[in-house]
Amino acid sequence: MSDNTIKVALIGNPNTGKTSVFNALTGLNQQVGNYPGITVERKQGNCQLPLGFKATVLDLPGTYSLNASSVDENVVIELLMNRNDKDFPDVVVLVTDVENLKRNLLLFTQIKDLEIPVILCINMIDRMQLKGITLDIPFLEKELKTRIAAVSTRKKPGYCEP
């Protein structure tokens, strides 16, 4: 990779919208489905970032934790445990869904424990009002010591609430 390209791994529980986030970032149209095992291998795409930077984005299979219980989950664990892997990420974007945020935080803490930079992407925020959910993003960023992106890939690609 050149100096102005970073490697980003999209990781999260199954059905949190990782592939939708991947498609929004890369402009690709990978298959999206609401059933386990839809992404069982690494999918890769590229996107342009501000200030002349680029990202190689990996869409990885869904996993609940870094304790593999399936072949799908093992793909994620093998990548994160091998800093010599050519695709080892410079940053992990942990994609969560707003309705199951608490359950998704186990994986978040495990990745933080590996000392890999991580950004929390809370997807499906278009469902917050319908479900009566409120989030204090600045408070969560402070408590979790990470940046948070609140997005809705259903509403439109790249939709983000401030």
N, C-alpha and C. Protein backbone atom coordinates (compact mmCIF):
# COMPACT_ATOMS: atom_id res chain seq x y z
N MET A 1 0.83 -1.19 0.00
CA MET A 1 0.00 0.00 0.00
C MET A 1 0.88 1.25 0.00
N SER A 2 0.40 2.25 -0.69
CA SER A 2 1.13 3.51 -0.68
C SER A 2 0.85 4.25 0.62
N ASP A 3 1.64 5.29 0.85
CA ASP A 3 1.53 6.02 2.11
C ASP A 3 0.18 6.69 2.30
N ASN A 4 -0.53 6.99 1.19
CA ASN A 4 -1.81 7.69 1.35
C ASN A 4 -3.01 6.75 1.25
N THR A 5 -2.78 5.44 1.38
CA THR A 5 -3.87 4.46 1.38
C THR A 5 -3.89 3.74 2.71
N ILE A 6 -5.08 3.71 3.31
CA ILE A 6 -5.23 2.98 4.57
C ILE A 6 -6.09 1.74 4.34
N LYS A 7 -5.90 0.75 5.19
CA LYS A 7 -6.69 -0.48 5.13
C LYS A 7 -7.76 -0.41 6.22
N VAL A 8 -9.01 -0.56 5.80
CA VAL A 8 -10.15 -0.48 6.70
C VAL A 8 -10.88 -1.81 6.68
N ALA A 9 -11.15 -2.38 7.84
CA ALA A 9 -11.92 -3.62 7.94
C ALA A 9 -13.28 -3.31 8.54
N LEU A 10 -14.34 -3.69 7.83
CA LEU A 10 -15.70 -3.58 8.35
C LEU A 10 -16.03 -4.88 9.08
N ILE A 11 -16.28 -4.76 10.37
CA ILE A 11 -16.51 -5.91 11.22
C ILE A 11 -17.77 -5.64 12.04
N GLY A 12 -18.49 -6.69 12.38
CA GLY A 12 -19.66 -6.52 13.23
C GLY A 12 -20.46 -7.80 13.32
N ASN A 13 -21.49 -7.76 14.14
CA ASN A 13 -22.39 -8.89 14.29
C ASN A 13 -23.11 -9.12 12.96
N PRO A 14 -23.63 -10.34 12.74
CA PRO A 14 -24.42 -10.58 11.54
C PRO A 14 -25.62 -9.64 11.46
N ASN A 15 -25.97 -9.25 10.26
CA ASN A 15 -27.18 -8.45 9.98
C ASN A 15 -27.18 -7.06 10.60
N THR A 16 -25.99 -6.45 10.70
CA THR A 16 -25.92 -5.07 11.19
C THR A 16 -25.81 -4.08 10.04
N GLY A 17 -25.65 -4.59 8.82
CA GLY A 17 -25.56 -3.71 7.66
C GLY A 17 -24.13 -3.47 7.18
N LYS A 18 -23.22 -4.38 7.49
CA LYS A 18 -21.82 -4.21 7.07
C LYS A 18 -21.70 -4.09 5.55
N THR A 19 -22.39 -4.97 4.83
CA THR A 19 -22.28 -4.93 3.37
C THR A 19 -22.95 -3.70 2.81
N SER A 20 -24.00 -3.21 3.43
CA SER A 20 -24.62 -1.95 2.98
C SER A 20 -23.67 -0.78 3.19
N VAL A 21 -22.96 -0.77 4.31
CA VAL A 21 -21.95 0.27 4.55
C VAL A 21 -20.83 0.13 3.52
N PHE A 22 -20.39 -1.11 3.27
CA PHE A 22 -19.36 -1.37 2.26
C PHE A 22 -19.79 -0.83 0.89
N ASN A 23 -21.01 -1.13 0.49
CA ASN A 23 -21.50 -0.65 -0.81
C ASN A 23 -21.57 0.87 -0.85
N ALA A 24 -22.00 1.50 0.24
CA ALA A 24 -22.07 2.96 0.29
C ALA A 24 -20.69 3.59 0.18
N LEU A 25 -19.69 2.99 0.82
CA LEU A 25 -18.33 3.53 0.79
C LEU A 25 -17.65 3.31 -0.55
N THR A 26 -17.84 2.13 -1.13
CA THR A 26 -17.06 1.76 -2.32
C THR A 26 -17.80 1.99 -3.63
N GLY A 27 -19.11 2.18 -3.57
CA GLY A 27 -19.89 2.31 -4.79
C GLY A 27 -20.14 0.98 -5.48
N LEU A 28 -19.73 -0.10 -4.84
CA LEU A 28 -19.97 -1.43 -5.40
C LEU A 28 -21.38 -1.88 -5.04
N ASN A 29 -21.75 -3.03 -5.54
CA ASN A 29 -23.09 -3.55 -5.28
C ASN A 29 -23.01 -5.01 -4.88
N GLN A 30 -22.36 -5.25 -3.73
CA GLN A 30 -22.25 -6.62 -3.23
C GLN A 30 -23.61 -7.08 -2.74
N GLN A 31 -23.80 -8.39 -2.72
CA GLN A 31 -25.07 -8.97 -2.30
C GLN A 31 -25.33 -8.65 -0.84
N VAL A 32 -26.55 -8.25 -0.57
CA VAL A 32 -26.99 -7.95 0.78
C VAL A 32 -28.13 -8.91 1.10
N GLY A 33 -28.10 -9.51 2.28
CA GLY A 33 -29.17 -10.42 2.66
C GLY A 33 -29.36 -10.42 4.15
N ASN A 34 -30.54 -10.79 4.57
CA ASN A 34 -30.87 -10.80 5.99
C ASN A 34 -30.89 -12.23 6.52
N TYR A 35 -29.80 -12.94 6.25
CA TYR A 35 -29.67 -14.28 6.81
C TYR A 35 -28.21 -14.57 7.05
N PRO A 36 -27.90 -15.43 8.02
CA PRO A 36 -26.51 -15.69 8.39
C PRO A 36 -25.70 -16.27 7.24
N GLY A 37 -24.43 -15.91 7.22
CA GLY A 37 -23.51 -16.52 6.27
C GLY A 37 -23.50 -15.91 4.88
N ILE A 38 -24.18 -14.78 4.68
CA ILE A 38 -24.21 -14.19 3.34
C ILE A 38 -22.81 -13.75 2.93
N THR A 39 -22.05 -13.18 3.87
CA THR A 39 -20.65 -12.84 3.61
C THR A 39 -19.81 -13.88 4.32
N VAL A 40 -19.21 -14.78 3.55
CA VAL A 40 -18.41 -15.83 4.18
C VAL A 40 -16.95 -15.72 3.80
N GLU A 41 -16.60 -14.67 3.09
CA GLU A 41 -15.22 -14.44 2.72
C GLU A 41 -14.99 -12.94 2.71
N ARG A 42 -13.74 -12.55 2.53
CA ARG A 42 -13.41 -11.13 2.46
C ARG A 42 -13.85 -10.56 1.11
N LYS A 43 -14.56 -9.45 1.15
CA LYS A 43 -14.87 -8.70 -0.06
C LYS A 43 -14.09 -7.41 0.03
N GLN A 44 -13.53 -6.96 -1.07
CA GLN A 44 -12.66 -5.79 -1.04
C GLN A 44 -13.10 -4.76 -2.07
N GLY A 45 -13.01 -3.50 -1.67
CA GLY A 45 -13.29 -2.38 -2.56
C GLY A 45 -12.45 -1.20 -2.14
N ASN A 46 -12.56 -0.13 -2.89
CA ASN A 46 -11.77 1.07 -2.61
C ASN A 46 -12.68 2.28 -2.51
N CYS A 47 -12.23 3.28 -1.77
CA CYS A 47 -12.96 4.54 -1.73
C CYS A 47 -11.99 5.70 -1.55
N GLN A 48 -12.44 6.84 -1.98
CA GLN A 48 -11.66 8.07 -1.86
C GLN A 48 -12.02 8.74 -0.54
N LEU A 49 -11.00 9.19 0.18
CA LEU A 49 -11.19 9.88 1.45
C LEU A 49 -10.78 11.34 1.28
N PRO A 50 -11.11 12.20 2.23
CA PRO A 50 -10.67 13.59 2.16
C PRO A 50 -9.14 13.72 2.20
N LEU A 51 -8.67 14.86 1.80
CA LEU A 51 -7.26 15.23 1.87
C LEU A 51 -6.35 14.32 1.04
N GLY A 52 -6.90 13.75 -0.04
CA GLY A 52 -6.10 12.95 -0.94
C GLY A 52 -5.81 11.54 -0.47
N PHE A 53 -6.46 11.10 0.59
CA PHE A 53 -6.26 9.75 1.08
C PHE A 53 -7.24 8.79 0.39
N LYS A 54 -6.86 7.54 0.35
CA LYS A 54 -7.70 6.48 -0.19
C LYS A 54 -7.80 5.39 0.85
N ALA A 55 -8.83 4.55 0.72
CA ALA A 55 -8.99 3.41 1.63
C ALA A 55 -9.27 2.16 0.82
N THR A 56 -8.62 1.09 1.23
CA THR A 56 -8.99 -0.24 0.77
C THR A 56 -9.89 -0.79 1.86
N VAL A 57 -11.13 -1.11 1.49
CA VAL A 57 -12.14 -1.50 2.47
C VAL A 57 -12.43 -2.99 2.34
N LEU A 58 -12.33 -3.70 3.46
CA LEU A 58 -12.67 -5.13 3.51
C LEU A 58 -14.01 -5.31 4.21
N ASP A 59 -14.91 -6.02 3.57
CA ASP A 59 -16.19 -6.41 4.17
C ASP A 59 -16.01 -7.84 4.66
N LEU A 60 -16.06 -8.03 5.95
CA LEU A 60 -15.79 -9.34 6.55
C LEU A 60 -17.08 -9.99 7.05
N PRO A 61 -17.07 -11.31 7.20
CA PRO A 61 -18.27 -12.00 7.70
C PRO A 61 -18.67 -11.52 9.09
N GLY A 62 -19.94 -11.69 9.39
CA GLY A 62 -20.44 -11.31 10.71
C GLY A 62 -19.91 -12.22 11.80
N THR A 63 -19.64 -11.61 12.94
CA THR A 63 -19.17 -12.37 14.10
C THR A 63 -19.69 -11.70 15.37
N TYR A 64 -20.01 -12.52 16.36
CA TYR A 64 -20.48 -11.98 17.64
C TYR A 64 -19.34 -11.70 18.59
N SER A 65 -18.22 -12.40 18.40
CA SER A 65 -17.09 -12.20 19.29
C SER A 65 -15.83 -12.71 18.61
N LEU A 66 -14.71 -12.57 19.27
CA LEU A 66 -13.45 -13.07 18.74
C LEU A 66 -13.17 -14.50 19.21
N ASN A 67 -14.20 -15.17 19.66
CA ASN A 67 -14.13 -16.60 19.98
C ASN A 67 -14.91 -17.33 18.91
N ALA A 68 -14.20 -17.82 17.90
CA ALA A 68 -14.85 -18.39 16.71
C ALA A 68 -15.70 -19.61 17.04
N SER A 69 -16.91 -19.60 16.50
CA SER A 69 -17.77 -20.78 16.61
C SER A 69 -18.20 -21.25 15.23
N SER A 70 -17.69 -20.58 14.17
CA SER A 70 -18.02 -20.98 12.81
C SER A 70 -16.87 -20.60 11.88
N VAL A 71 -16.91 -21.17 10.68
CA VAL A 71 -15.90 -20.86 9.67
C VAL A 71 -15.95 -19.37 9.33
N ASP A 72 -17.17 -18.82 9.22
CA ASP A 72 -17.34 -17.40 8.91
C ASP A 72 -16.59 -16.53 9.91
N GLU A 73 -16.82 -16.80 11.21
CA GLU A 73 -16.20 -16.00 12.25
C GLU A 73 -14.69 -16.16 12.25
N ASN A 74 -14.21 -17.32 11.88
CA ASN A 74 -12.78 -17.59 11.88
C ASN A 74 -12.04 -16.69 10.89
N VAL A 75 -12.69 -16.30 9.79
CA VAL A 75 -12.08 -15.39 8.81
C VAL A 75 -11.70 -14.08 9.49
N VAL A 76 -12.57 -13.57 10.33
CA VAL A 76 -12.34 -12.31 11.04
C VAL A 76 -11.20 -12.47 12.05
N ILE A 77 -11.26 -13.53 12.82
CA ILE A 77 -10.28 -13.75 13.88
C ILE A 77 -8.88 -13.94 13.30
N GLU A 78 -8.78 -14.72 12.24
CA GLU A 78 -7.47 -14.94 11.61
C GLU A 78 -6.85 -13.64 11.14
N LEU A 79 -7.66 -12.74 10.60
CA LEU A 79 -7.14 -11.45 10.14
C LEU A 79 -6.66 -10.60 11.32
N LEU A 80 -7.48 -10.48 12.35
CA LEU A 80 -7.16 -9.59 13.47
C LEU A 80 -6.03 -10.11 14.35
N MET A 81 -5.79 -11.40 14.31
CA MET A 81 -4.73 -11.97 15.13
C MET A 81 -3.39 -12.06 14.41
N ASN A 82 -3.34 -11.65 13.15
CA ASN A 82 -2.11 -11.77 12.37
C ASN A 82 -1.70 -10.41 11.81
N ARG A 83 -0.90 -9.68 12.57
CA ARG A 83 -0.46 -8.35 12.13
C ARG A 83 0.39 -8.42 10.87
N ASN A 84 0.87 -9.60 10.49
CA ASN A 84 1.66 -9.76 9.27
C ASN A 84 0.80 -10.02 8.04
N ASP A 85 -0.51 -10.22 8.23
CA ASP A 85 -1.42 -10.43 7.10
C ASP A 85 -1.39 -9.17 6.23
N LYS A 86 -1.30 -9.35 4.91
CA LYS A 86 -1.24 -8.19 4.00
C LYS A 86 -2.47 -7.30 4.12
N ASP A 87 -3.58 -7.84 4.63
CA ASP A 87 -4.82 -7.08 4.78
C ASP A 87 -5.08 -6.63 6.21
N PHE A 88 -4.10 -6.80 7.10
CA PHE A 88 -4.31 -6.37 8.49
C PHE A 88 -4.71 -4.90 8.49
N PRO A 89 -5.81 -4.57 9.15
CA PRO A 89 -6.36 -3.21 9.04
C PRO A 89 -5.57 -2.16 9.82
N ASP A 90 -5.51 -0.96 9.24
CA ASP A 90 -5.02 0.20 9.97
C ASP A 90 -6.08 0.68 10.95
N VAL A 91 -7.34 0.43 10.58
CA VAL A 91 -8.47 0.81 11.42
C VAL A 91 -9.61 -0.17 11.17
N VAL A 92 -10.34 -0.47 12.24
CA VAL A 92 -11.54 -1.28 12.15
C VAL A 92 -12.74 -0.35 12.28
N VAL A 93 -13.70 -0.53 11.40
CA VAL A 93 -14.99 0.14 11.56
C VAL A 93 -15.95 -0.94 12.02
N LEU A 94 -16.35 -0.86 13.28
CA LEU A 94 -17.27 -1.84 13.84
C LEU A 94 -18.69 -1.36 13.55
N VAL A 95 -19.37 -2.07 12.67
CA VAL A 95 -20.73 -1.71 12.27
C VAL A 95 -21.70 -2.38 13.23
N THR A 96 -22.51 -1.56 13.88
CA THR A 96 -23.52 -2.05 14.81
C THR A 96 -24.88 -1.57 14.31
N ASP A 97 -25.94 -2.15 14.84
CA ASP A 97 -27.26 -1.59 14.52
C ASP A 97 -27.82 -0.96 15.79
N VAL A 98 -28.55 0.09 15.60
CA VAL A 98 -29.01 0.91 16.71
C VAL A 98 -29.89 0.13 17.68
N GLU A 99 -30.61 -0.88 17.20
CA GLU A 99 -31.52 -1.62 18.06
C GLU A 99 -30.82 -2.64 18.95
N ASN A 100 -29.60 -3.02 18.59
CA ASN A 100 -28.86 -4.04 19.36
C ASN A 100 -27.48 -3.55 19.76
N LEU A 101 -27.38 -2.28 20.03
CA LEU A 101 -26.08 -1.67 20.33
C LEU A 101 -25.38 -2.36 21.50
N LYS A 102 -26.09 -2.62 22.57
CA LYS A 102 -25.47 -3.23 23.76
C LYS A 102 -24.84 -4.58 23.42
N ARG A 103 -25.55 -5.43 22.68
CA ARG A 103 -25.03 -6.75 22.31
C ARG A 103 -23.76 -6.62 21.45
N ASN A 104 -23.71 -5.61 20.60
CA ASN A 104 -22.59 -5.40 19.70
C ASN A 104 -21.34 -4.91 20.42
N LEU A 105 -21.48 -4.37 21.62
CA LEU A 105 -20.34 -3.79 22.31
C LEU A 105 -19.35 -4.82 22.84
N LEU A 106 -19.75 -6.09 22.98
CA LEU A 106 -18.79 -7.13 23.37
C LEU A 106 -17.67 -7.20 22.33
N LEU A 107 -18.04 -7.28 21.08
CA LEU A 107 -17.06 -7.35 20.00
C LEU A 107 -16.22 -6.07 19.97
N PHE A 108 -16.84 -4.94 20.19
CA PHE A 108 -16.13 -3.66 20.23
C PHE A 108 -15.02 -3.69 21.28
N THR A 109 -15.34 -4.15 22.48
CA THR A 109 -14.34 -4.17 23.55
C THR A 109 -13.22 -5.17 23.24
N GLN A 110 -13.56 -6.28 22.61
CA GLN A 110 -12.53 -7.26 22.26
C GLN A 110 -11.55 -6.67 21.23
N ILE A 111 -12.06 -5.93 20.28
CA ILE A 111 -11.18 -5.31 19.27
C ILE A 111 -10.34 -4.22 19.92
N LYS A 112 -10.93 -3.43 20.80
CA LYS A 112 -10.17 -2.40 21.53
C LYS A 112 -9.04 -3.05 22.34
N ASP A 113 -9.31 -4.21 22.93
CA ASP A 113 -8.29 -4.91 23.71
C ASP A 113 -7.09 -5.33 22.85
N LEU A 114 -7.31 -5.52 21.55
CA LEU A 114 -6.22 -5.87 20.63
C LEU A 114 -5.38 -4.65 20.24
N GLU A 115 -5.80 -3.48 20.73
CA GLU A 115 -5.12 -2.21 20.45
C GLU A 115 -5.07 -1.89 18.96
N ILE A 116 -6.18 -2.19 18.28
CA ILE A 116 -6.37 -1.81 16.89
C ILE A 116 -7.29 -0.59 16.91
N PRO A 117 -6.93 0.50 16.24
CA PRO A 117 -7.84 1.65 16.20
C PRO A 117 -9.21 1.23 15.68
N VAL A 118 -10.26 1.70 16.36
CA VAL A 118 -11.62 1.29 15.98
C VAL A 118 -12.56 2.49 16.01
N ILE A 119 -13.39 2.54 15.01
CA ILE A 119 -14.47 3.54 14.91
C ILE A 119 -15.77 2.77 15.04
N LEU A 120 -16.70 3.28 15.82
CA LEU A 120 -17.99 2.64 15.98
C LEU A 120 -18.97 3.28 15.00
N CYS A 121 -19.53 2.46 14.12
CA CYS A 121 -20.52 2.92 13.14
C CYS A 121 -21.88 2.39 13.57
N ILE A 122 -22.75 3.27 14.03
CA ILE A 122 -24.08 2.86 14.46
C ILE A 122 -25.01 3.03 13.26
N ASN A 123 -25.42 1.91 12.71
CA ASN A 123 -26.25 1.88 11.50
C ASN A 123 -27.74 1.81 11.87
N MET A 124 -28.57 2.11 10.91
CA MET A 124 -30.03 2.01 11.02
C MET A 124 -30.61 3.07 11.95
N ILE A 125 -29.98 4.25 11.98
CA ILE A 125 -30.48 5.28 12.88
C ILE A 125 -31.84 5.82 12.43
N ASP A 126 -32.24 5.49 11.20
CA ASP A 126 -33.58 5.89 10.75
C ASP A 126 -34.67 5.19 11.57
N ARG A 127 -34.32 4.15 12.31
CA ARG A 127 -35.29 3.42 13.12
C ARG A 127 -35.38 3.94 14.56
N MET A 128 -34.54 4.92 14.90
CA MET A 128 -34.51 5.40 16.28
C MET A 128 -35.85 5.96 16.73
N GLN A 129 -36.43 6.85 15.94
CA GLN A 129 -37.68 7.47 16.35
C GLN A 129 -38.80 6.44 16.44
N LEU A 130 -38.87 5.55 15.46
CA LEU A 130 -39.88 4.49 15.45
C LEU A 130 -39.78 3.61 16.69
N LYS A 131 -38.57 3.33 17.12
CA LYS A 131 -38.34 2.44 18.27
C LYS A 131 -38.19 3.18 19.59
N GLY A 132 -38.27 4.51 19.57
CA GLY A 132 -38.16 5.29 20.79
C GLY A 132 -36.76 5.29 21.38
N ILE A 133 -35.75 5.23 20.52
CA ILE A 133 -34.37 5.17 20.96
C ILE A 133 -33.74 6.55 20.86
N THR A 134 -33.01 6.95 21.89
CA THR A 134 -32.21 8.16 21.83
C THR A 134 -30.78 7.82 22.20
N LEU A 135 -29.84 8.51 21.58
CA LEU A 135 -28.43 8.29 21.86
C LEU A 135 -27.74 9.63 22.10
N ASP A 136 -26.88 9.67 23.06
CA ASP A 136 -26.03 10.83 23.31
C ASP A 136 -24.66 10.49 22.74
N ILE A 137 -24.46 10.81 21.46
CA ILE A 137 -23.24 10.43 20.76
C ILE A 137 -21.99 11.01 21.42
N PRO A 138 -21.95 12.32 21.76
CA PRO A 138 -20.74 12.84 22.42
C PRO A 138 -20.42 12.10 23.73
N PHE A 139 -21.45 11.77 24.51
CA PHE A 139 -21.24 11.03 25.75
C PHE A 139 -20.67 9.64 25.45
N LEU A 140 -21.25 8.94 24.46
CA LEU A 140 -20.77 7.60 24.10
C LEU A 140 -19.32 7.66 23.60
N GLU A 141 -19.01 8.67 22.79
CA GLU A 141 -17.63 8.79 22.30
C GLU A 141 -16.65 8.96 23.46
N LYS A 142 -17.04 9.76 24.43
CA LYS A 142 -16.17 9.99 25.59
C LYS A 142 -16.02 8.71 26.42
N GLU A 143 -17.14 8.04 26.69
CA GLU A 143 -17.11 6.84 27.53
C GLU A 143 -16.38 5.67 26.85
N LEU A 144 -16.59 5.53 25.53
CA LEU A 144 -15.98 4.42 24.80
C LEU A 144 -14.59 4.76 24.25
N LYS A 145 -14.24 6.04 24.36
CA LYS A 145 -12.93 6.52 23.87
C LYS A 145 -12.72 6.17 22.39
N THR A 146 -13.74 6.53 21.61
CA THR A 146 -13.68 6.27 20.16
C THR A 146 -14.59 7.25 19.43
N ARG A 147 -14.35 7.39 18.14
CA ARG A 147 -15.23 8.19 17.29
C ARG A 147 -16.43 7.34 16.89
N ILE A 148 -17.58 7.98 16.74
CA ILE A 148 -18.81 7.29 16.36
C ILE A 148 -19.41 7.96 15.14
N ALA A 149 -19.81 7.14 14.17
CA ALA A 149 -20.56 7.61 13.01
C ALA A 149 -21.96 7.01 13.11
N ALA A 150 -22.97 7.86 13.13
CA ALA A 150 -24.36 7.40 13.17
C ALA A 150 -24.91 7.53 11.75
N VAL A 151 -25.27 6.39 11.14
CA VAL A 151 -25.65 6.39 9.73
C VAL A 151 -26.91 5.58 9.49
N SER A 152 -27.48 5.80 8.32
CA SER A 152 -28.58 4.97 7.85
C SER A 152 -28.34 4.67 6.38
N THR A 153 -27.88 3.48 6.09
CA THR A 153 -27.65 3.12 4.70
C THR A 153 -28.96 2.77 4.00
N ARG A 154 -30.03 2.53 4.76
CA ARG A 154 -31.35 2.29 4.16
C ARG A 154 -31.94 3.56 3.60
N LYS A 155 -31.79 4.64 4.35
CA LYS A 155 -32.40 5.90 3.96
C LYS A 155 -31.79 6.40 2.67
N LYS A 156 -30.48 6.44 2.60
CA LYS A 156 -29.76 6.72 1.38
C LYS A 156 -28.28 6.51 1.66
N PRO A 157 -27.51 6.08 0.67
CA PRO A 157 -26.09 5.85 0.91
C PRO A 157 -25.41 7.10 1.45
N GLY A 158 -24.64 6.90 2.51
CA GLY A 158 -23.88 8.01 3.06
C GLY A 158 -24.67 8.93 3.98
N TYR A 159 -25.97 8.65 4.21
CA TYR A 159 -26.76 9.49 5.09
C TYR A 159 -26.17 9.44 6.49
N CYS A 160 -25.94 10.57 7.06
CA CYS A 160 -25.32 10.62 8.37
C CYS A 160 -25.93 11.75 9.18
N GLU A 161 -26.35 11.46 10.38
CA GLU A 161 -26.86 12.50 11.28
C GLU A 161 -25.69 13.16 11.98
N PRO A 162 -25.73 14.47 12.15
CA PRO A 162 -24.61 15.14 12.86
C PRO A 162 -24.53 14.72 14.31
